[in-house]
Amino acid sequence: MENSELRDMSDEQLGLTLDETKQNLFRLRIQAQTERLDAPSELRRHRRLVARIKTMQRERAVVAAKAAEKGETAESAS
C-alpha cells in the first residue's frame, strides 16, 4: 500500500487498516516462531505499514490541534 493510498483514506479507514495490519503482523510473528513462515520479508512490510499509518494519524492529530488552537485564539481575540 502506497502513501498516497493511505492519505486518501478517512480517519476511520486508517484505524481499521491499522487494526487489520496489526492482526496480520501478529499472525506472521506466530508463524515465524513455529518456523512456518514462507516470506520473512512480510514481517518487515507489515511493520513498516503500521509505522506509516501511525505517522499519518499523528500528522492529522497535529494539524487538527493547530487548527483548534488557531480557532480558539481567534475567538478569544474577538
PDB file of N, CA and C in Angstrom:
ATOM      1  N   MET A   1       0.847  -1.172   0.000  1.00  0.00           N
ATOM      2  CA  MET A   1       0.000   0.000   0.000  1.00  0.00           C
ATOM      3  C   MET A   1       0.893   1.236   0.000  1.00  0.00           C
ATOM      4  N   GLU A   2       0.586   2.165  -0.867  1.00  0.00           N
ATOM      5  CA  GLU A   2       1.402   3.354  -1.019  1.00  0.00           C
ATOM      6  C   GLU A   2       0.912   4.476  -0.117  1.00  0.00           C
ATOM      7  N   ASN A   3       1.785   5.454   0.099  1.00  0.00           N
ATOM      8  CA  ASN A   3       1.431   6.583   0.947  1.00  0.00           C
ATOM      9  C   ASN A   3       0.240   7.349   0.400  1.00  0.00           C
ATOM     10  N   SER A   4       0.164   7.487  -0.910  1.00  0.00           N
ATOM     11  CA  SER A   4      -0.951   8.233  -1.494  1.00  0.00           C
ATOM     12  C   SER A   4      -2.279   7.537  -1.207  1.00  0.00           C
ATOM     13  N   GLU A   5      -2.277   6.212  -1.219  1.00  0.00           N
ATOM     14  CA  GLU A   5      -3.499   5.468  -0.893  1.00  0.00           C
ATOM     15  C   GLU A   5      -3.882   5.697   0.568  1.00  0.00           C
ATOM     16  N   LEU A   6      -2.898   5.713   1.434  1.00  0.00           N
ATOM     17  CA  LEU A   6      -3.171   5.931   2.856  1.00  0.00           C
ATOM     18  C   LEU A   6      -3.675   7.342   3.106  1.00  0.00           C
ATOM     19  N   ARG A   7      -3.100   8.322   2.420  1.00  0.00           N
ATOM     20  CA  ARG A   7      -3.523   9.717   2.614  1.00  0.00           C
ATOM     21  C   ARG A   7      -4.960   9.937   2.151  1.00  0.00           C
ATOM     22  N   ASP A   8      -5.406   9.156   1.171  1.00  0.00           N
ATOM     23  CA  ASP A   8      -6.769   9.300   0.659  1.00  0.00           C
ATOM     24  C   ASP A   8      -7.807   8.682   1.594  1.00  0.00           C
ATOM     25  N   MET A   9      -7.372   7.875   2.542  1.00  0.00           N
ATOM     26  CA  MET A   9      -8.305   7.205   3.456  1.00  0.00           C
ATOM     27  C   MET A   9      -8.797   8.163   4.527  1.00  0.00           C
ATOM     28  N   SER A  10      -9.999   7.887   5.018  1.00  0.00           N
ATOM     29  CA  SER A  10     -10.525   8.668   6.134  1.00  0.00           C
ATOM     30  C   SER A  10      -9.869   8.182   7.418  1.00  0.00           C
ATOM     31  N   ASP A  11     -10.104   8.905   8.503  1.00  0.00           N
ATOM     32  CA  ASP A  11      -9.541   8.512   9.800  1.00  0.00           C
ATOM     33  C   ASP A  11     -10.038   7.132  10.217  1.00  0.00           C
ATOM     34  N   GLU A  12     -11.306   6.879   9.964  1.00  0.00           N
ATOM     35  CA  GLU A  12     -11.892   5.587  10.332  1.00  0.00           C
ATOM     36  C   GLU A  12     -11.271   4.451   9.517  1.00  0.00           C
ATOM     37  N   GLN A  13     -11.100   4.682   8.230  1.00  0.00           N
ATOM     38  CA  GLN A  13     -10.486   3.661   7.374  1.00  0.00           C
ATOM     39  C   GLN A  13      -9.047   3.388   7.790  1.00  0.00           C
ATOM     40  N   LEU A  14      -8.324   4.457   8.158  1.00  0.00           N
ATOM     41  CA  LEU A  14      -6.944   4.272   8.621  1.00  0.00           C
ATOM     42  C   LEU A  14      -6.911   3.417   9.880  1.00  0.00           C
ATOM     43  N   GLY A  15      -7.833   3.679  10.797  1.00  0.00           N
ATOM     44  CA  GLY A  15      -7.895   2.898  12.023  1.00  0.00           C
ATOM     45  C   GLY A  15      -8.182   1.431  11.750  1.00  0.00           C
ATOM     46  N   LEU A  16      -9.109   1.175  10.846  1.00  0.00           N
ATOM     47  CA  LEU A  16      -9.430  -0.213  10.501  1.00  0.00           C
ATOM     48  C   LEU A  16      -8.260  -0.906   9.808  1.00  0.00           C
ATOM     49  N   THR A  17      -7.590  -0.185   8.934  1.00  0.00           N
ATOM     50  CA  THR A  17      -6.423  -0.741   8.257  1.00  0.00           C
ATOM     51  C   THR A  17      -5.315  -1.030   9.255  1.00  0.00           C
ATOM     52  N   LEU A  18      -5.153  -0.145  10.234  1.00  0.00           N
ATOM     53  CA  LEU A  18      -4.142  -0.360  11.272  1.00  0.00           C
ATOM     54  C   LEU A  18      -4.451  -1.613  12.082  1.00  0.00           C
ATOM     55  N   ASP A  19      -5.698  -1.769  12.483  1.00  0.00           N
ATOM     56  CA  ASP A  19      -6.087  -2.964  13.245  1.00  0.00           C
ATOM     57  C   ASP A  19      -5.851  -4.239  12.445  1.00  0.00           C
ATOM     58  N   GLU A  20      -6.245  -4.212  11.187  1.00  0.00           N
ATOM     59  CA  GLU A  20      -6.076  -5.382  10.326  1.00  0.00           C
ATOM     60  C   GLU A  20      -4.593  -5.713  10.138  1.00  0.00           C
ATOM     61  N   THR A  21      -3.782  -4.691   9.937  1.00  0.00           N
ATOM     62  CA  THR A  21      -2.354  -4.900   9.731  1.00  0.00           C
ATOM     63  C   THR A  21      -1.693  -5.436  10.998  1.00  0.00           C
ATOM     64  N   LYS A  22      -2.114  -4.938  12.153  1.00  0.00           N
ATOM     65  CA  LYS A  22      -1.566  -5.446  13.413  1.00  0.00           C
ATOM     66  C   LYS A  22      -1.923  -6.918  13.612  1.00  0.00           C
ATOM     67  N   GLN A  23      -3.138  -7.295  13.261  1.00  0.00           N
ATOM     68  CA  GLN A  23      -3.541  -8.696  13.384  1.00  0.00           C
ATOM     69  C   GLN A  23      -2.716  -9.573  12.447  1.00  0.00           C
ATOM     70  N   ASN A  24      -2.508  -9.114  11.229  1.00  0.00           N
ATOM     71  CA  ASN A  24      -1.693  -9.867  10.278  1.00  0.00           C
ATOM     72  C   ASN A  24      -0.253  -9.989  10.766  1.00  0.00           C
ATOM     73  N   LEU A  25       0.266  -8.918  11.332  1.00  0.00           N
ATOM     74  CA  LEU A  25       1.624  -8.945  11.865  1.00  0.00           C
ATOM     75  C   LEU A  25       1.739  -9.947  13.003  1.00  0.00           C
ATOM     76  N   PHE A  26       0.726  -9.988  13.858  1.00  0.00           N
ATOM     77  CA  PHE A  26       0.720 -10.958  14.958  1.00  0.00           C
ATOM     78  C   PHE A  26       0.748 -12.387  14.411  1.00  0.00           C
ATOM     79  N   ARG A  27      -0.087 -12.654  13.416  1.00  0.00           N
ATOM     80  CA  ARG A  27      -0.111 -13.991  12.813  1.00  0.00           C
ATOM     81  C   ARG A  27       1.235 -14.356  12.191  1.00  0.00           C
ATOM     82  N   LEU A  28       1.851 -13.380  11.528  1.00  0.00           N
ATOM     83  CA  LEU A  28       3.156 -13.631  10.923  1.00  0.00           C
ATOM     84  C   LEU A  28       4.218 -13.927  11.974  1.00  0.00           C
ATOM     85  N   ARG A  29       4.149 -13.217  13.093  1.00  0.00           N
ATOM     86  CA  ARG A  29       5.113 -13.476  14.169  1.00  0.00           C
ATOM     87  C   ARG A  29       4.938 -14.878  14.736  1.00  0.00           C
ATOM     88  N   ILE A  30       3.697 -15.317  14.874  1.00  0.00           N
ATOM     89  CA  ILE A  30       3.436 -16.675  15.358  1.00  0.00           C
ATOM     90  C   ILE A  30       3.997 -17.687  14.360  1.00  0.00           C
ATOM     91  N   GLN A  31       3.755 -17.454  13.083  1.00  0.00           N
ATOM     92  CA  GLN A  31       4.282 -18.353  12.059  1.00  0.00           C
ATOM     93  C   GLN A  31       5.808 -18.373  12.075  1.00  0.00           C
ATOM     94  N   ALA A  32       6.421 -17.224  12.312  1.00  0.00           N
ATOM     95  CA  ALA A  32       7.878 -17.162  12.350  1.00  0.00           C
ATOM     96  C   ALA A  32       8.422 -17.963  13.532  1.00  0.00           C
ATOM     97  N   GLN A  33       7.708 -17.941  14.645  1.00  0.00           N
ATOM     98  CA  GLN A  33       8.155 -18.682  15.824  1.00  0.00           C
ATOM     99  C   GLN A  33       8.020 -20.185  15.633  1.00  0.00           C
ATOM    100  N   THR A  34       7.033 -20.587  14.872  1.00  0.00           N
ATOM    101  CA  THR A  34       6.833 -22.019  14.628  1.00  0.00           C
ATOM    102  C   THR A  34       7.561 -22.485  13.370  1.00  0.00           C
ATOM    103  N   GLU A  35       8.372 -21.587  12.797  1.00  0.00           N
ATOM    104  CA  GLU A  35       9.208 -21.882  11.637  1.00  0.00           C
ATOM    105  C   GLU A  35       8.403 -22.301  10.407  1.00  0.00           C
ATOM    106  N   ARG A  36       7.243 -21.700  10.229  1.00  0.00           N
ATOM    107  CA  ARG A  36       6.436 -21.999   9.053  1.00  0.00           C
ATOM    108  C   ARG A  36       6.241 -20.763   8.190  1.00  0.00           C
ATOM    109  N   LEU A  37       7.056 -19.762   8.379  1.00  0.00           N
ATOM    110  CA  LEU A  37       6.901 -18.512   7.642  1.00  0.00           C
ATOM    111  C   LEU A  37       7.553 -18.636   6.266  1.00  0.00           C
ATOM    112  N   ASP A  38       6.759 -18.437   5.218  1.00  0.00           N
ATOM    113  CA  ASP A  38       7.255 -18.598   3.850  1.00  0.00           C
ATOM    114  C   ASP A  38       8.079 -17.391   3.399  1.00  0.00           C
ATOM    115  N   ALA A  39       7.598 -16.195   3.714  1.00  0.00           N
ATOM    116  CA  ALA A  39       8.266 -14.979   3.246  1.00  0.00           C
ATOM    117  C   ALA A  39       8.594 -14.086   4.445  1.00  0.00           C
ATOM    118  N   PRO A  40       9.799 -14.169   4.965  1.00  0.00           N
ATOM    119  CA  PRO A  40      10.175 -13.336   6.109  1.00  0.00           C
ATOM    120  C   PRO A  40      10.086 -11.838   5.825  1.00  0.00           C
ATOM    121  N   SER A  41      10.144 -11.454   4.569  1.00  0.00           N
ATOM    122  CA  SER A  41      10.043 -10.038   4.224  1.00  0.00           C
ATOM    123  C   SER A  41       8.662  -9.470   4.556  1.00  0.00           C
ATOM    124  N   GLU A  42       7.670 -10.328   4.697  1.00  0.00           N
ATOM    125  CA  GLU A  42       6.322  -9.868   5.053  1.00  0.00           C
ATOM    126  C   GLU A  42       6.305  -9.214   6.430  1.00  0.00           C
ATOM    127  N   LEU A  43       7.127  -9.714   7.347  1.00  0.00           N
ATOM    128  CA  LEU A  43       7.210  -9.108   8.678  1.00  0.00           C
ATOM    129  C   LEU A  43       7.622  -7.643   8.568  1.00  0.00           C
ATOM    130  N   ARG A  44       8.676  -7.396   7.816  1.00  0.00           N
ATOM    131  CA  ARG A  44       9.171  -6.035   7.649  1.00  0.00           C
ATOM    132  C   ARG A  44       8.115  -5.165   6.964  1.00  0.00           C
ATOM    133  N   ARG A  45       7.483  -5.700   5.936  1.00  0.00           N
ATOM    134  CA  ARG A  45       6.481  -4.927   5.191  1.00  0.00           C
ATOM    135  C   ARG A  45       5.332  -4.504   6.102  1.00  0.00           C
ATOM    136  N   HIS A  46       4.858  -5.409   6.942  1.00  0.00           N
ATOM    137  CA  HIS A  46       3.747  -5.098   7.842  1.00  0.00           C
ATOM    138  C   HIS A  46       4.175  -4.131   8.948  1.00  0.00           C
ATOM    139  N   ARG A  47       5.382  -4.302   9.472  1.00  0.00           N
ATOM    140  CA  ARG A  47       5.869  -3.376  10.499  1.00  0.00           C
ATOM    141  C   ARG A  47       5.949  -1.960   9.942  1.00  0.00           C
ATOM    142  N   ARG A  48       6.443  -1.847   8.732  1.00  0.00           N
ATOM    143  CA  ARG A  48       6.576  -0.526   8.116  1.00  0.00           C
ATOM    144  C   ARG A  48       5.220   0.087   7.789  1.00  0.00           C
ATOM    145  N   LEU A  49       4.272  -0.755   7.404  1.00  0.00           N
ATOM    146  CA  LEU A  49       2.930  -0.253   7.128  1.00  0.00           C
ATOM    147  C   LEU A  49       2.281   0.273   8.409  1.00  0.00           C
ATOM    148  N   VAL A  50       2.467  -0.438   9.519  1.00  0.00           N
ATOM    149  CA  VAL A  50       1.945   0.030  10.809  1.00  0.00           C
ATOM    150  C   VAL A  50       2.564   1.383  11.144  1.00  0.00           C
ATOM    151  N   ALA A  51       3.863   1.512  10.948  1.00  0.00           N
ATOM    152  CA  ALA A  51       4.547   2.775  11.239  1.00  0.00           C
ATOM    153  C   ALA A  51       4.030   3.903  10.348  1.00  0.00           C
ATOM    154  N   ARG A  52       3.817   3.618   9.065  1.00  0.00           N
ATOM    155  CA  ARG A  52       3.294   4.630   8.149  1.00  0.00           C
ATOM    156  C   ARG A  52       1.911   5.111   8.575  1.00  0.00           C
ATOM    157  N   ILE A  53       1.053   4.170   8.932  1.00  0.00           N
ATOM    158  CA  ILE A  53      -0.311   4.525   9.329  1.00  0.00           C
ATOM    159  C   ILE A  53      -0.287   5.362  10.603  1.00  0.00           C
ATOM    160  N   LYS A  54       0.508   4.947  11.579  1.00  0.00           N
ATOM    161  CA  LYS A  54       0.591   5.704  12.833  1.00  0.00           C
ATOM    162  C   LYS A  54       1.141   7.107  12.592  1.00  0.00           C
ATOM    163  N   THR A  55       2.087   7.230  11.684  1.00  0.00           N
ATOM    164  CA  THR A  55       2.648   8.540  11.354  1.00  0.00           C
ATOM    165  C   THR A  55       1.579   9.440  10.752  1.00  0.00           C
ATOM    166  N   MET A  56       0.787   8.901   9.858  1.00  0.00           N
ATOM    167  CA  MET A  56      -0.272   9.703   9.243  1.00  0.00           C
ATOM    168  C   MET A  56      -1.340  10.098  10.255  1.00  0.00           C
ATOM    169  N   GLN A  57      -1.669   9.195  11.155  1.00  0.00           N
ATOM    170  CA  GLN A  57      -2.640   9.523  12.200  1.00  0.00           C
ATOM    171  C   GLN A  57      -2.100  10.645  13.081  1.00  0.00           C
ATOM    172  N   ARG A  58      -0.825  10.581  13.405  1.00  0.00           N
ATOM    173  CA  ARG A  58      -0.209  11.618  14.241  1.00  0.00           C
ATOM    174  C   ARG A  58      -0.171  12.951  13.503  1.00  0.00           C
ATOM    175  N   GLU A  59       0.172  12.934  12.224  1.00  0.00           N
ATOM    176  CA  GLU A  59       0.184  14.165  11.434  1.00  0.00           C
ATOM    177  C   GLU A  59      -1.191  14.815  11.426  1.00  0.00           C
ATOM    178  N   ARG A  60      -2.219  13.997  11.249  1.00  0.00           N
ATOM    179  CA  ARG A  60      -3.586  14.536  11.229  1.00  0.00           C
ATOM    180  C   ARG A  60      -3.972  15.100  12.592  1.00  0.00           C
ATOM    181  N   ALA A  61      -3.547  14.455  13.656  1.00  0.00           N
ATOM    182  CA  ALA A  61      -3.856  14.942  15.004  1.00  0.00           C
ATOM    183  C   ALA A  61      -3.173  16.282  15.259  1.00  0.00           C
ATOM    184  N   VAL A  62      -1.939  16.429  14.805  1.00  0.00           N
ATOM    185  CA  VAL A  62      -1.209  17.680  14.987  1.00  0.00           C
ATOM    186  C   VAL A  62      -1.878  18.803  14.202  1.00  0.00           C
ATOM    187  N   VAL A  63      -2.271  18.519  12.972  1.00  0.00           N
ATOM    188  CA  VAL A  63      -2.938  19.528  12.152  1.00  0.00           C
ATOM    189  C   VAL A  63      -4.262  19.940  12.797  1.00  0.00           C
ATOM    190  N   ALA A  64      -5.006  18.973  13.304  1.00  0.00           N
ATOM    191  CA  ALA A  64      -6.289  19.278  13.946  1.00  0.00           C
ATOM    192  C   ALA A  64      -6.075  20.106  15.209  1.00  0.00           C
ATOM    193  N   ALA A  65      -5.032  19.788  15.966  1.00  0.00           N
ATOM    194  CA  ALA A  65      -4.750  20.541  17.190  1.00  0.00           C
ATOM    195  C   ALA A  65      -4.362  21.980  16.853  1.00  0.00           C
ATOM    196  N   LYS A  66      -3.566  22.156  15.809  1.00  0.00           N
ATOM    197  CA  LYS A  66      -3.185  23.513  15.409  1.00  0.00           C
ATOM    198  C   LYS A  66      -4.391  24.302  14.932  1.00  0.00           C
ATOM    199  N   ALA A  67      -5.271  23.640  14.187  1.00  0.00           N
ATOM    200  CA  ALA A  67      -6.470  24.312  13.693  1.00  0.00           C
ATOM    201  C   ALA A  67      -7.371  24.707  14.861  1.00  0.00           C
ATOM    202  N   ALA A  68      -7.485  23.820  15.839  1.00  0.00           N
ATOM    203  CA  ALA A  68      -8.308  24.130  17.008  1.00  0.00           C
ATOM    204  C   ALA A  68      -7.688  25.270  17.810  1.00  0.00           C
ATOM    205  N   GLU A  69      -6.374  25.273  17.902  1.00  0.00           N
ATOM    206  CA  GLU A  69      -5.678  26.328  18.644  1.00  0.00           C
ATOM    207  C   GLU A  69      -5.865  27.676  17.968  1.00  0.00           C
ATOM    208  N   LYS A  70      -5.772  27.696  16.639  1.00  0.00           N
ATOM    209  CA  LYS A  70      -5.978  28.944  15.905  1.00  0.00           C
ATOM    210  C   LYS A  70      -7.409  29.422  16.056  1.00  0.00           C
ATOM    211  N   GLY A  71      -8.342  28.501  16.057  1.00  0.00           N
ATOM    212  CA  GLY A  71      -9.748  28.858  16.231  1.00  0.00           C
ATOM    213  C   GLY A  71     -10.010  29.431  17.601  1.00  0.00           C
ATOM    214  N   GLU A  72      -9.385  28.863  18.627  1.00  0.00           N
ATOM    215  CA  GLU A  72      -9.558  29.365  19.985  1.00  0.00           C
ATOM    216  C   GLU A  72      -8.944  30.748  20.149  1.00  0.00           C
ATOM    217  N   THR A  73      -7.767  30.971  19.595  1.00  0.00           N
ATOM    218  CA  THR A  73      -7.131  32.276  19.741  1.00  0.00           C
ATOM    219  C   THR A  73      -7.899  33.344  18.967  1.00  0.00           C
ATOM    220  N   ALA A  74      -8.492  32.980  17.835  1.00  0.00           N
ATOM    221  CA  ALA A  74      -9.281  33.940  17.071  1.00  0.00           C
ATOM    222  C   ALA A  74     -10.562  34.288  17.829  1.00  0.00           C
ATOM    223  N   GLU A  75     -11.165  33.299  18.495  1.00  0.00           N
ATOM    224  CA  GLU A  75     -12.375  33.558  19.264  1.00  0.00           C
ATOM    225  C   GLU A  75     -12.085  34.403  20.505  1.00  0.00           C
ATOM    226  N   SER A  76     -10.964  34.138  21.167  1.00  0.00           N
ATOM    227  CA  SER A  76     -10.643  34.879  22.381  1.00  0.00           C
ATOM    228  C   SER A  76     -10.239  36.319  22.069  1.00  0.00           C
ATOM    229  N   ALA A  77      -9.739  36.571  20.858  1.00  0.00           N
ATOM    230  CA  ALA A  77      -9.354  37.918  20.462  1.00  0.00           C
ATOM    231  C   ALA A  77     -10.588  38.762  20.147  1.00  0.00           C
ATOM    232  N   SER A  78     -11.693  38.140  19.803  1.00  0.00           N
ATOM    233  CA  SER A  78     -12.911  38.889  19.441  1.00  0.00           C
ATOM    234  C   SER A  78     -13.602  39.459  20.632  1.00  0.00           C
TER     235      SER A  78
END
